[in-house]
């Protein structure tokens, strides 16, 4: 059986400094983990919204713009036009 000081409890029944360190480390870890999850979710919600907007809502507009961009329209004047005096 473990003694009271090995369990981290003083004779008065309050936690000793040894358990306070592990408790505070655990609470800091939990707080950090919680903040990482909350910030991660809050950062990816706008990203997901924008991806939805681009991929689903404005899909036709972007397809038309891509097709227009891929067309090559070259119109050169005839070579003899520059040689004639006016």
Protein backbone atom coordinates (compact mmCIF):
# COMPACT_ATOMS: atom_id res chain seq x y z
CA UNK A 1 0.00 0.00 0.00
CA UNK A 2 1.29 3.47 -0.86
CA UNK A 3 1.87 6.01 1.81
CA UNK A 4 0.21 9.40 1.80
CA UNK A 5 3.30 11.31 0.66
CA UNK A 6 3.84 8.82 -2.20
CA UNK A 7 0.32 9.53 -3.39
CA UNK A 8 1.03 13.25 -3.36
CA UNK A 9 -1.32 14.01 -0.47
CA UNK A 10 -0.17 15.94 2.57
CA UNK A 11 -1.15 14.88 6.04
CA UNK A 12 -3.73 17.64 5.98
CA UNK A 13 -5.46 16.01 2.98
CA UNK A 14 -4.58 18.67 0.37
CA UNK A 15 -2.54 17.85 -2.75
CA UNK A 16 1.17 18.36 -2.37
CA UNK A 17 3.43 20.29 -4.73
CA UNK A 18 4.32 17.07 -6.55
CA UNK A 19 0.76 16.48 -7.75
CA UNK A 20 0.14 20.16 -8.44
CA UNK A 21 2.84 20.04 -11.11
CA UNK A 22 1.30 17.10 -12.92
CA UNK A 23 -2.18 18.55 -12.49
CA UNK A 24 -1.17 21.90 -13.96
CA UNK A 25 0.65 20.18 -16.82
CA UNK A 26 -2.46 18.15 -17.54
CA UNK A 27 -4.73 21.21 -17.41
CA UNK A 28 -2.36 23.17 -19.67
CA UNK A 29 -2.32 20.26 -22.10
CA UNK A 30 -6.13 20.05 -22.08
CA UNK A 31 -6.46 23.79 -22.55
CA UNK A 32 -3.94 23.74 -25.40
CA UNK A 33 -5.68 20.82 -27.07
CA UNK A 34 -9.05 22.53 -26.71
CA UNK A 35 -7.74 25.79 -28.21
CA UNK A 36 -6.09 23.93 -31.08
CA UNK A 37 -9.35 22.17 -31.93
CA UNK A 38 -11.44 25.34 -31.64
CA UNK A 39 -9.01 27.45 -33.69
CA UNK A 40 -8.65 24.69 -36.26
CA UNK A 41 -12.41 24.44 -36.70
CA UNK A 42 -12.80 28.21 -36.82
CA UNK A 43 -10.09 28.47 -39.47
CA UNK A 44 -11.43 25.69 -41.69
CA UNK A 45 -15.08 26.80 -41.69
CA UNK A 46 -14.39 29.86 -43.91
CA UNK A 47 -12.09 27.77 -46.10
CA UNK A 48 -14.77 25.12 -46.58
CA UNK A 49 -17.34 27.82 -47.28
CA UNK A 50 -15.14 29.39 -49.97
CA UNK A 51 -14.42 26.02 -51.58
CA UNK A 52 -18.16 25.29 -51.65
CA UNK A 53 -18.77 28.71 -53.20
CA UNK A 54 -16.18 28.15 -55.93
CA UNK A 55 -16.87 24.48 -56.69
CA UNK A 56 -20.65 24.37 -56.42
CA UNK A 57 -22.20 27.83 -56.63
CA UNK A 58 -20.00 29.52 -59.28
CA UNK A 59 -18.99 26.42 -61.23
CA UNK A 60 -20.57 27.48 -64.54
CA UNK A 61 -18.97 30.92 -64.48
CA UNK A 62 -15.51 29.46 -63.93
CA UNK A 63 -16.04 26.84 -66.66
CA UNK A 64 -16.98 29.54 -69.17
CA UNK A 65 -14.00 31.67 -68.17
CA UNK A 66 -11.66 28.67 -68.50
CA UNK A 67 -13.03 27.79 -71.95
CA UNK A 68 -12.68 31.40 -73.08
CA UNK A 69 -9.13 31.54 -71.76
CA UNK A 70 -8.14 28.41 -73.68
CA UNK A 71 -9.29 29.78 -77.03
CA UNK A 72 -6.49 31.28 -79.10
CA UNK A 73 -7.60 34.19 -81.22
CA UNK A 74 -4.83 35.49 -83.43
CA UNK A 75 -5.72 38.11 -85.99
CA UNK A 76 -2.77 39.50 -87.88
CA UNK A 77 -3.15 42.04 -90.65
CA UNK A 78 -1.94 40.92 -94.09
CA UNK A 79 1.79 41.39 -94.62
CA UNK A 80 1.31 43.51 -97.75
CA UNK A 81 -0.77 46.10 -95.93
CA UNK A 82 2.26 47.64 -94.23
CA UNK A 83 4.20 48.00 -97.48
CA UNK A 84 1.69 50.12 -99.40
CA UNK A 85 2.07 53.89 -99.16
CA UNK A 86 -1.04 55.85 -98.44
